[in-house]
Amino acid sequence: MSYIVVKNGRDNIKLFLVNRNVTKKKWWTIHLHDAIQFRKESAAEHSASHLRFGDCFVATYEEAQKLEKDNMHELAMLDEHPFSSEALGQN
């Protein structure tokens, strides 16, 4: 089982701590495949304790997959314009 460090982002989006071996351009990502996976929960908690902002917490890989799926739903809802005919139910 692996563990992921997660933080709360804007608009109810969850962000995952980036594996710095994959990219050094960013620290947080919404894509789970770019996230660092810890083998031990204690290592993930230790890493999360060093982060200062965003209310970081540790999730299992399975929980993180569900969070990523929820992120995609939230992003789709944010992309939809509030006054579009679809949003108003006029299609």
PDB file of N, CA and C in Angstrom:
ATOM      1  N   MET A   1       0.851  -1.173   0.000  1.00  0.00           N
ATOM      2  CA  MET A   1       0.000   0.000   0.000  1.00  0.00           C
ATOM      3  C   MET A   1       0.895   1.235   0.000  1.00  0.00           C
ATOM      4  N   SER A   2       0.454   2.250  -0.729  1.00  0.00           N
ATOM      5  CA  SER A   2       1.221   3.489  -0.757  1.00  0.00           C
ATOM      6  C   SER A   2       0.357   4.639  -0.249  1.00  0.00           C
ATOM      7  N   TYR A   3       1.045   5.711   0.115  1.00  0.00           N
ATOM      8  CA  TYR A   3       0.402   6.865   0.718  1.00  0.00           C
ATOM      9  C   TYR A   3       0.778   8.122  -0.054  1.00  0.00           C
ATOM     10  N   ILE A   4      -0.160   9.070  -0.115  1.00  0.00           N
ATOM     11  CA  ILE A   4      -0.004  10.298  -0.873  1.00  0.00           C
ATOM     12  C   ILE A   4      -0.250  11.479   0.063  1.00  0.00           C
ATOM     13  N   VAL A   5       0.557  12.547  -0.081  1.00  0.00           N
ATOM     14  CA  VAL A   5       0.330  13.784   0.669  1.00  0.00           C
ATOM     15  C   VAL A   5      -0.612  14.653  -0.156  1.00  0.00           C
ATOM     16  N   VAL A   6      -1.703  15.085   0.488  1.00  0.00           N
ATOM     17  CA  VAL A   6      -2.759  15.833  -0.183  1.00  0.00           C
ATOM     18  C   VAL A   6      -2.977  17.143   0.553  1.00  0.00           C
ATOM     19  N   LYS A   7      -3.348  18.203  -0.193  1.00  0.00           N
ATOM     20  CA  LYS A   7      -3.738  19.457   0.448  1.00  0.00           C
ATOM     21  C   LYS A   7      -4.972  20.005  -0.240  1.00  0.00           C
ATOM     22  N   ASN A   8      -5.683  20.840   0.490  1.00  0.00           N
ATOM     23  CA  ASN A   8      -6.884  21.478  -0.038  1.00  0.00           C
ATOM     24  C   ASN A   8      -6.486  22.676  -0.876  1.00  0.00           C
ATOM     25  N   GLY A   9      -6.957  22.712  -2.105  1.00  0.00           N
ATOM     26  CA  GLY A   9      -6.703  23.838  -2.990  1.00  0.00           C
ATOM     27  C   GLY A   9      -7.945  24.701  -3.115  1.00  0.00           C
ATOM     28  N   ARG A  10      -7.927  25.590  -4.079  1.00  0.00           N
ATOM     29  CA  ARG A  10      -9.081  26.460  -4.321  1.00  0.00           C
ATOM     30  C   ARG A  10     -10.223  25.685  -4.965  1.00  0.00           C
ATOM     31  N   ASP A  11     -11.425  26.196  -4.769  1.00  0.00           N
ATOM     32  CA  ASP A  11     -12.627  25.652  -5.416  1.00  0.00           C
ATOM     33  C   ASP A  11     -12.827  24.172  -5.146  1.00  0.00           C
ATOM     34  N   ASN A  12     -12.528  23.735  -3.933  1.00  0.00           N
ATOM     35  CA  ASN A  12     -12.763  22.351  -3.512  1.00  0.00           C
ATOM     36  C   ASN A  12     -11.942  21.347  -4.326  1.00  0.00           C
ATOM     37  N   ILE A  13     -10.776  21.763  -4.809  1.00  0.00           N
ATOM     38  CA  ILE A  13      -9.874  20.896  -5.556  1.00  0.00           C
ATOM     39  C   ILE A  13      -8.787  20.391  -4.612  1.00  0.00           C
ATOM     40  N   LYS A  14      -8.498  19.111  -4.669  1.00  0.00           N
ATOM     41  CA  LYS A  14      -7.436  18.519  -3.868  1.00  0.00           C
ATOM     42  C   LYS A  14      -6.163  18.445  -4.711  1.00  0.00           C
ATOM     43  N   LEU A  15      -5.045  18.801  -4.108  1.00  0.00           N
ATOM     44  CA  LEU A  15      -3.754  18.801  -4.791  1.00  0.00           C
ATOM     45  C   LEU A  15      -2.845  17.746  -4.180  1.00  0.00           C
ATOM     46  N   PHE A  16      -2.041  17.104  -5.001  1.00  0.00           N
ATOM     47  CA  PHE A  16      -1.129  16.052  -4.570  1.00  0.00           C
ATOM     48  C   PHE A  16       0.302  16.559  -4.653  1.00  0.00           C
ATOM     49  N   LEU A  17       1.132  16.188  -3.681  1.00  0.00           N
ATOM     50  CA  LEU A  17       2.540  16.582  -3.662  1.00  0.00           C
ATOM     51  C   LEU A  17       3.269  15.912  -4.822  1.00  0.00           C
ATOM     52  N   VAL A  18       3.980  16.727  -5.598  1.00  0.00           N
ATOM     53  CA  VAL A  18       4.631  16.247  -6.815  1.00  0.00           C
ATOM     54  C   VAL A  18       5.907  15.476  -6.479  1.00  0.00           C
ATOM     55  N   ASN A  19       6.131  14.412  -7.233  1.00  0.00           N
ATOM     56  CA  ASN A  19       7.384  13.675  -7.171  1.00  0.00           C
ATOM     57  C   ASN A  19       8.424  14.518  -7.901  1.00  0.00           C
ATOM     58  N   ARG A  20       9.402  15.029  -7.196  1.00  0.00           N
ATOM     59  CA  ARG A  20      10.378  15.945  -7.772  1.00  0.00           C
ATOM     60  C   ARG A  20      11.323  15.244  -8.746  1.00  0.00           C
ATOM     61  N   ASN A  21      11.325  13.922  -8.796  1.00  0.00           N
ATOM     62  CA  ASN A  21      12.090  13.199  -9.814  1.00  0.00           C
ATOM     63  C   ASN A  21      11.383  13.264 -11.169  1.00  0.00           C
ATOM     64  N   VAL A  22      10.075  13.498 -11.164  1.00  0.00           N
ATOM     65  CA  VAL A  22       9.294  13.588 -12.388  1.00  0.00           C
ATOM     66  C   VAL A  22       9.388  14.988 -12.982  1.00  0.00           C
ATOM     67  N   THR A  23       9.164  16.007 -12.166  1.00  0.00           N
ATOM     68  CA  THR A  23       9.226  17.390 -12.635  1.00  0.00           C
ATOM     69  C   THR A  23       9.662  18.310 -11.503  1.00  0.00           C
ATOM     70  N   LYS A  24      10.397  19.336 -11.861  1.00  0.00           N
ATOM     71  CA  LYS A  24      10.817  20.325 -10.883  1.00  0.00           C
ATOM     72  C   LYS A  24      10.178  21.679 -11.158  1.00  0.00           C
ATOM     73  N   LYS A  25       9.189  21.699 -12.053  1.00  0.00           N
ATOM     74  CA  LYS A  25       8.522  22.942 -12.418  1.00  0.00           C
ATOM     75  C   LYS A  25       7.406  23.322 -11.452  1.00  0.00           C
ATOM     76  N   LYS A  26       6.917  22.373 -10.682  1.00  0.00           N
ATOM     77  CA  LYS A  26       5.803  22.649  -9.773  1.00  0.00           C
ATOM     78  C   LYS A  26       5.911  21.770  -8.536  1.00  0.00           C
ATOM     79  N   TRP A  27       5.196  22.179  -7.502  1.00  0.00           N
ATOM     80  CA  TRP A  27       5.200  21.429  -6.243  1.00  0.00           C
ATOM     81  C   TRP A  27       3.916  20.622  -6.057  1.00  0.00           C
ATOM     82  N   TRP A  28       2.812  21.087  -6.612  1.00  0.00           N
ATOM     83  CA  TRP A  28       1.516  20.440  -6.418  1.00  0.00           C
ATOM     84  C   TRP A  28       0.881  20.149  -7.767  1.00  0.00           C
ATOM     85  N   THR A  29       0.115  19.082  -7.843  1.00  0.00           N
ATOM     86  CA  THR A  29      -0.532  18.682  -9.081  1.00  0.00           C
ATOM     87  C   THR A  29      -1.924  18.129  -8.786  1.00  0.00           C
ATOM     88  N   ILE A  30      -2.772  18.152  -9.807  1.00  0.00           N
ATOM     89  CA  ILE A  30      -4.091  17.524  -9.668  1.00  0.00           C
ATOM     90  C   ILE A  30      -4.078  16.115 -10.249  1.00  0.00           C
ATOM     91  N   HIS A  31      -2.974  15.727 -10.868  1.00  0.00           N
ATOM     92  CA  HIS A  31      -2.851  14.408 -11.497  1.00  0.00           C
ATOM     93  C   HIS A  31      -2.089  13.456 -10.579  1.00  0.00           C
ATOM     94  N   LEU A  32      -2.702  12.355 -10.291  1.00  0.00           N
ATOM     95  CA  LEU A  32      -2.133  11.392  -9.351  1.00  0.00           C
ATOM     96  C   LEU A  32      -0.872  10.727  -9.893  1.00  0.00           C
ATOM     97  N   HIS A  33      -0.744  10.599 -11.207  1.00  0.00           N
ATOM     98  CA  HIS A  33       0.434   9.920 -11.767  1.00  0.00           C
ATOM     99  C   HIS A  33       1.713  10.739 -11.578  1.00  0.00           C
ATOM    100  N   ASP A  34       1.598  12.041 -11.301  1.00  0.00           N
ATOM    101  CA  ASP A  34       2.767  12.877 -11.031  1.00  0.00           C
ATOM    102  C   ASP A  34       3.093  12.967  -9.543  1.00  0.00           C
ATOM    103  N   ALA A  35       2.241  12.425  -8.699  1.00  0.00           N
ATOM    104  CA  ALA A  35       2.400  12.551  -7.249  1.00  0.00           C
ATOM    105  C   ALA A  35       3.432  11.570  -6.705  1.00  0.00           C
ATOM    106  N   ILE A  36       4.063  11.976  -5.621  1.00  0.00           N
ATOM    107  CA  ILE A  36       5.019  11.085  -4.965  1.00  0.00           C
ATOM    108  C   ILE A  36       4.246  10.082  -4.113  1.00  0.00           C
ATOM    109  N   GLN A  37       4.644   8.828  -4.197  1.00  0.00           N
ATOM    110  CA  GLN A  37       3.999   7.766  -3.442  1.00  0.00           C
ATOM    111  C   GLN A  37       4.966   7.274  -2.373  1.00  0.00           C
ATOM    112  N   PHE A  38       4.531   7.366  -1.142  1.00  0.00           N
ATOM    113  CA  PHE A  38       5.337   6.905  -0.011  1.00  0.00           C
ATOM    114  C   PHE A  38       4.935   5.474   0.332  1.00  0.00           C
ATOM    115  N   ARG A  39       5.911   4.665   0.656  1.00  0.00           N
ATOM    116  CA  ARG A  39       5.628   3.274   1.029  1.00  0.00           C
ATOM    117  C   ARG A  39       5.141   3.158   2.464  1.00  0.00           C
ATOM    118  N   LYS A  40       5.595   4.084   3.316  1.00  0.00           N
ATOM    119  CA  LYS A  40       5.207   4.050   4.723  1.00  0.00           C
ATOM    120  C   LYS A  40       4.375   5.281   5.059  1.00  0.00           C
ATOM    121  N   GLU A  41       3.350   5.075   5.852  1.00  0.00           N
ATOM    122  CA  GLU A  41       2.499   6.187   6.273  1.00  0.00           C
ATOM    123  C   GLU A  41       3.282   7.186   7.106  1.00  0.00           C
ATOM    124  N   SER A  42       4.207   6.691   7.925  1.00  0.00           N
ATOM    125  CA  SER A  42       5.002   7.590   8.768  1.00  0.00           C
ATOM    126  C   SER A  42       5.876   8.515   7.920  1.00  0.00           C
ATOM    127  N   ALA A  43       6.395   8.034   6.801  1.00  0.00           N
ATOM    128  CA  ALA A  43       7.200   8.886   5.918  1.00  0.00           C
ATOM    129  C   ALA A  43       6.345   9.969   5.278  1.00  0.00           C
ATOM    130  N   ALA A  44       5.124   9.625   4.876  1.00  0.00           N
ATOM    131  CA  ALA A  44       4.212  10.608   4.295  1.00  0.00           C
ATOM    132  C   ALA A  44       3.815  11.652   5.331  1.00  0.00           C
ATOM    133  N   GLU A  45       3.556  11.211   6.559  1.00  0.00           N
ATOM    134  CA  GLU A  45       3.194  12.150   7.624  1.00  0.00           C
ATOM    135  C   GLU A  45       4.364  13.066   7.961  1.00  0.00           C
ATOM    136  N   HIS A  46       5.568  12.543   7.942  1.00  0.00           N
ATOM    137  CA  HIS A  46       6.758  13.352   8.204  1.00  0.00           C
ATOM    138  C   HIS A  46       6.911  14.427   7.127  1.00  0.00           C
ATOM    139  N   SER A  47       6.710  14.050   5.877  1.00  0.00           N
ATOM    140  CA  SER A  47       6.805  15.008   4.777  1.00  0.00           C
ATOM    141  C   SER A  47       5.695  16.062   4.882  1.00  0.00           C
ATOM    142  N   ALA A  48       4.492  15.645   5.223  1.00  0.00           N
ATOM    143  CA  ALA A  48       3.368  16.573   5.358  1.00  0.00           C
ATOM    144  C   ALA A  48       3.572  17.538   6.521  1.00  0.00           C
ATOM    145  N   SER A  49       4.244  17.094   7.567  1.00  0.00           N
ATOM    146  CA  SER A  49       4.446  17.954   8.727  1.00  0.00           C
ATOM    147  C   SER A  49       5.388  19.113   8.426  1.00  0.00           C
ATOM    148  N   HIS A  50       6.214  18.989   7.398  1.00  0.00           N
ATOM    149  CA  HIS A  50       7.149  20.045   7.026  1.00  0.00           C
ATOM    150  C   HIS A  50       6.506  21.109   6.133  1.00  0.00           C
ATOM    151  N   LEU A  51       5.322  20.827   5.611  1.00  0.00           N
ATOM    152  CA  LEU A  51       4.643  21.768   4.723  1.00  0.00           C
ATOM    153  C   LEU A  51       3.826  22.739   5.571  1.00  0.00           C
ATOM    154  N   ARG A  52       3.878  24.018   5.227  1.00  0.00           N
ATOM    155  CA  ARG A  52       3.344  25.038   6.106  1.00  0.00           C
ATOM    156  C   ARG A  52       1.908  25.447   5.818  1.00  0.00           C
ATOM    157  N   PHE A  53       1.479  25.413   4.574  1.00  0.00           N
ATOM    158  CA  PHE A  53       0.171  25.956   4.228  1.00  0.00           C
ATOM    159  C   PHE A  53      -0.701  24.901   3.572  1.00  0.00           C
ATOM    160  N   GLY A  54      -2.013  25.088   3.666  1.00  0.00           N
ATOM    161  CA  GLY A  54      -2.933  24.257   2.908  1.00  0.00           C
ATOM    162  C   GLY A  54      -3.532  23.086   3.643  1.00  0.00           C
ATOM    163  N   ASP A  55      -3.319  22.961   4.937  1.00  0.00           N
ATOM    164  CA  ASP A  55      -3.912  21.858   5.695  1.00  0.00           C
ATOM    165  C   ASP A  55      -3.631  20.505   5.048  1.00  0.00           C
ATOM    166  N   CYS A  56      -2.370  20.144   4.967  1.00  0.00           N
ATOM    167  CA  CYS A  56      -1.962  18.887   4.345  1.00  0.00           C
ATOM    168  C   CYS A  56      -2.395  17.693   5.176  1.00  0.00           C
ATOM    169  N   PHE A  57      -2.716  16.623   4.488  1.00  0.00           N
ATOM    170  CA  PHE A  57      -3.056  15.375   5.155  1.00  0.00           C
ATOM    171  C   PHE A  57      -2.577  14.213   4.298  1.00  0.00           C
ATOM    172  N   VAL A  58      -2.576  13.031   4.876  1.00  0.00           N
ATOM    173  CA  VAL A  58      -2.097  11.828   4.197  1.00  0.00           C
ATOM    174  C   VAL A  58      -3.300  10.966   3.831  1.00  0.00           C
ATOM    175  N   ALA A  59      -3.309  10.478   2.593  1.00  0.00           N
ATOM    176  CA  ALA A  59      -4.367   9.594   2.119  1.00  0.00           C
ATOM    177  C   ALA A  59      -3.740   8.347   1.520  1.00  0.00           C
ATOM    178  N   THR A  60      -4.467   7.247   1.581  1.00  0.00           N
ATOM    179  CA  THR A  60      -4.000   6.046   0.904  1.00  0.00           C
ATOM    180  C   THR A  60      -4.152   6.251  -0.599  1.00  0.00           C
ATOM    181  N   TYR A  61      -3.516   5.402  -1.376  1.00  0.00           N
ATOM    182  CA  TYR A  61      -3.583   5.531  -2.830  1.00  0.00           C
ATOM    183  C   TYR A  61      -5.020   5.389  -3.322  1.00  0.00           C
ATOM    184  N   GLU A  62      -5.781   4.485  -2.718  1.00  0.00           N
ATOM    185  CA  GLU A  62      -7.169   4.280  -3.121  1.00  0.00           C
ATOM    186  C   GLU A  62      -8.011   5.513  -2.824  1.00  0.00           C
ATOM    187  N   GLU A  63      -7.793   6.134  -1.664  1.00  0.00           N
ATOM    188  CA  GLU A  63      -8.508   7.370  -1.327  1.00  0.00           C
ATOM    189  C   GLU A  63      -8.113   8.487  -2.285  1.00  0.00           C
ATOM    190  N   ALA A  64      -6.831   8.546  -2.645  1.00  0.00           N
ATOM    191  CA  ALA A  64      -6.348   9.576  -3.560  1.00  0.00           C
ATOM    192  C   ALA A  64      -6.960   9.393  -4.954  1.00  0.00           C
ATOM    193  N   GLN A  65      -7.182   8.161  -5.370  1.00  0.00           N
ATOM    194  CA  GLN A  65      -7.839   7.924  -6.661  1.00  0.00           C
ATOM    195  C   GLN A  65      -9.257   8.484  -6.649  1.00  0.00           C
ATOM    196  N   LYS A  66      -9.955   8.306  -5.535  1.00  0.00           N
ATOM    197  CA  LYS A  66     -11.307   8.860  -5.421  1.00  0.00           C
ATOM    198  C   LYS A  66     -11.258  10.381  -5.420  1.00  0.00           C
ATOM    199  N   LEU A  67     -10.278  10.968  -4.731  1.00  0.00           N
ATOM    200  CA  LEU A  67     -10.126  12.422  -4.717  1.00  0.00           C
ATOM    201  C   LEU A  67      -9.828  12.957  -6.116  1.00  0.00           C
ATOM    202  N   GLU A  68      -9.007  12.229  -6.881  1.00  0.00           N
ATOM    203  CA  GLU A  68      -8.694  12.653  -8.245  1.00  0.00           C
ATOM    204  C   GLU A  68      -9.952  12.619  -9.115  1.00  0.00           C
ATOM    205  N   LYS A  69     -10.775  11.599  -8.938  1.00  0.00           N
ATOM    206  CA  LYS A  69     -12.024  11.509  -9.692  1.00  0.00           C
ATOM    207  C   LYS A  69     -12.942  12.668  -9.324  1.00  0.00           C
ATOM    208  N   ASP A  70     -13.021  12.996  -8.042  1.00  0.00           N
ATOM    209  CA  ASP A  70     -13.828  14.134  -7.591  1.00  0.00           C
ATOM    210  C   ASP A  70     -13.285  15.444  -8.161  1.00  0.00           C
ATOM    211  N   ASN A  71     -11.956  15.555  -8.267  1.00  0.00           N
ATOM    212  CA  ASN A  71     -11.333  16.744  -8.866  1.00  0.00           C
ATOM    213  C   ASN A  71     -11.802  16.941 -10.299  1.00  0.00           C
ATOM    214  N   MET A  72     -11.832  15.858 -11.064  1.00  0.00           N
ATOM    215  CA  MET A  72     -12.228  15.963 -12.463  1.00  0.00           C
ATOM    216  C   MET A  72     -13.676  16.436 -12.571  1.00  0.00           C
ATOM    217  N   HIS A  73     -14.531  15.976 -11.656  1.00  0.00           N
ATOM    218  CA  HIS A  73     -15.925  16.427 -11.646  1.00  0.00           C
ATOM    219  C   HIS A  73     -15.999  17.914 -11.301  1.00  0.00           C
ATOM    220  N   GLU A  74     -15.242  18.341 -10.281  1.00  0.00           N
ATOM    221  CA  GLU A  74     -15.233  19.753  -9.883  1.00  0.00           C
ATOM    222  C   GLU A  74     -14.714  20.638 -11.005  1.00  0.00           C
ATOM    223  N   LEU A  75     -13.655  20.214 -11.692  1.00  0.00           N
ATOM    224  CA  LEU A  75     -13.110  20.996 -12.791  1.00  0.00           C
ATOM    225  C   LEU A  75     -14.105  21.105 -13.945  1.00  0.00           C
ATOM    226  N   ALA A  76     -14.841  20.040 -14.204  1.00  0.00           N
ATOM    227  CA  ALA A  76     -15.855  20.081 -15.257  1.00  0.00           C
ATOM    228  C   ALA A  76     -16.963  21.057 -14.884  1.00  0.00           C
ATOM    229  N   MET A  77     -17.342  21.093 -13.623  1.00  0.00           N
ATOM    230  CA  MET A  77     -18.380  22.023 -13.173  1.00  0.00           C
ATOM    231  C   MET A  77     -17.885  23.468 -13.240  1.00  0.00           C
ATOM    232  N   LEU A  78     -16.613  23.694 -12.954  1.00  0.00           N
ATOM    233  CA  LEU A  78     -16.060  25.045 -13.011  1.00  0.00           C
ATOM    234  C   LEU A  78     -15.934  25.547 -14.443  1.00  0.00           C
ATOM    235  N   ASP A  79     -15.677  24.639 -15.386  1.00  0.00           N
ATOM    236  CA  ASP A  79     -15.524  25.025 -16.787  1.00  0.00           C
ATOM    237  C   ASP A  79     -16.853  25.400 -17.431  1.00  0.00           C
ATOM    238  N   GLU A  80     -17.948  24.899 -16.873  1.00  0.00           N
ATOM    239  CA  GLU A  80     -19.251  25.190 -17.445  1.00  0.00           C
ATOM    240  C   GLU A  80     -19.672  26.601 -17.054  1.00  0.00           C
ATOM    241  N   HIS A  81     -19.999  27.395 -18.020  1.00  0.00           N
ATOM    242  CA  HIS A  81     -20.388  28.784 -17.763  1.00  0.00           C
ATOM    243  C   HIS A  81     -21.739  28.805 -17.042  1.00  0.00           C
ATOM    244  N   PRO A  82     -21.900  29.629 -15.991  1.00  0.00           N
ATOM    245  CA  PRO A  82     -23.136  29.593 -15.210  1.00  0.00           C
ATOM    246  C   PRO A  82     -24.364  30.056 -15.985  1.00  0.00           C
ATOM    247  N   PHE A  83     -24.197  30.795 -17.095  1.00  0.00           N
ATOM    248  CA  PHE A  83     -25.348  31.264 -17.838  1.00  0.00           C
ATOM    249  C   PHE A  83     -25.516  30.545 -19.168  1.00  0.00           C
ATOM    250  N   SER A  84     -24.846  29.427 -19.339  1.00  0.00           N
ATOM    251  CA  SER A  84     -25.009  28.667 -20.572  1.00  0.00           C
ATOM    252  C   SER A  84     -26.378  27.998 -20.584  1.00  0.00           C
ATOM    253  N   SER A  85     -26.832  27.635 -21.769  1.00  0.00           N
ATOM    254  CA  SER A  85     -28.158  27.000 -21.879  1.00  0.00           C
ATOM    255  C   SER A  85     -28.166  25.646 -21.186  1.00  0.00           C
ATOM    256  N   GLU A  86     -27.027  24.953 -21.166  1.00  0.00           N
ATOM    257  CA  GLU A  86     -26.953  23.660 -20.487  1.00  0.00           C
ATOM    258  C   GLU A  86     -27.088  23.828 -18.983  1.00  0.00           C
ATOM    259  N   ALA A  87     -26.421  24.855 -18.440  1.00  0.00           N
ATOM    260  CA  ALA A  87     -26.490  25.091 -17.001  1.00  0.00           C
ATOM    261  C   ALA A  87     -27.889  25.523 -16.574  1.00  0.00           C
ATOM    262  N   LEU A  88     -28.605  26.231 -17.474  1.00  0.00           N
ATOM    263  CA  LEU A  88     -29.954  26.679 -17.158  1.00  0.00           C
ATOM    264  C   LEU A  88     -31.009  25.636 -17.490  1.00  0.00           C
ATOM    265  N   GLY A  89     -30.586  24.517 -18.048  1.00  0.00           N
ATOM    266  CA  GLY A  89     -31.515  23.439 -18.380  1.00  0.00           C
ATOM    267  C   GLY A  89     -32.364  23.745 -19.609  1.00  0.00           C
ATOM    268  N   GLN A  90     -31.813  24.522 -20.552  1.00  0.00           N
ATOM    269  CA  GLN A  90     -32.567  24.932 -21.718  1.00  0.00           C
ATOM    270  C   GLN A  90     -32.100  24.249 -22.993  1.00  0.00           C
ATOM    271  N   ASN A  91     -31.625  23.050 -22.916  1.00  0.00           N
ATOM    272  CA  ASN A  91     -31.178  22.396 -24.143  1.00  0.00           C
ATOM    273  C   ASN A  91     -32.141  21.370 -24.617  1.00  0.00           C
TER     274      ASN A  91
END
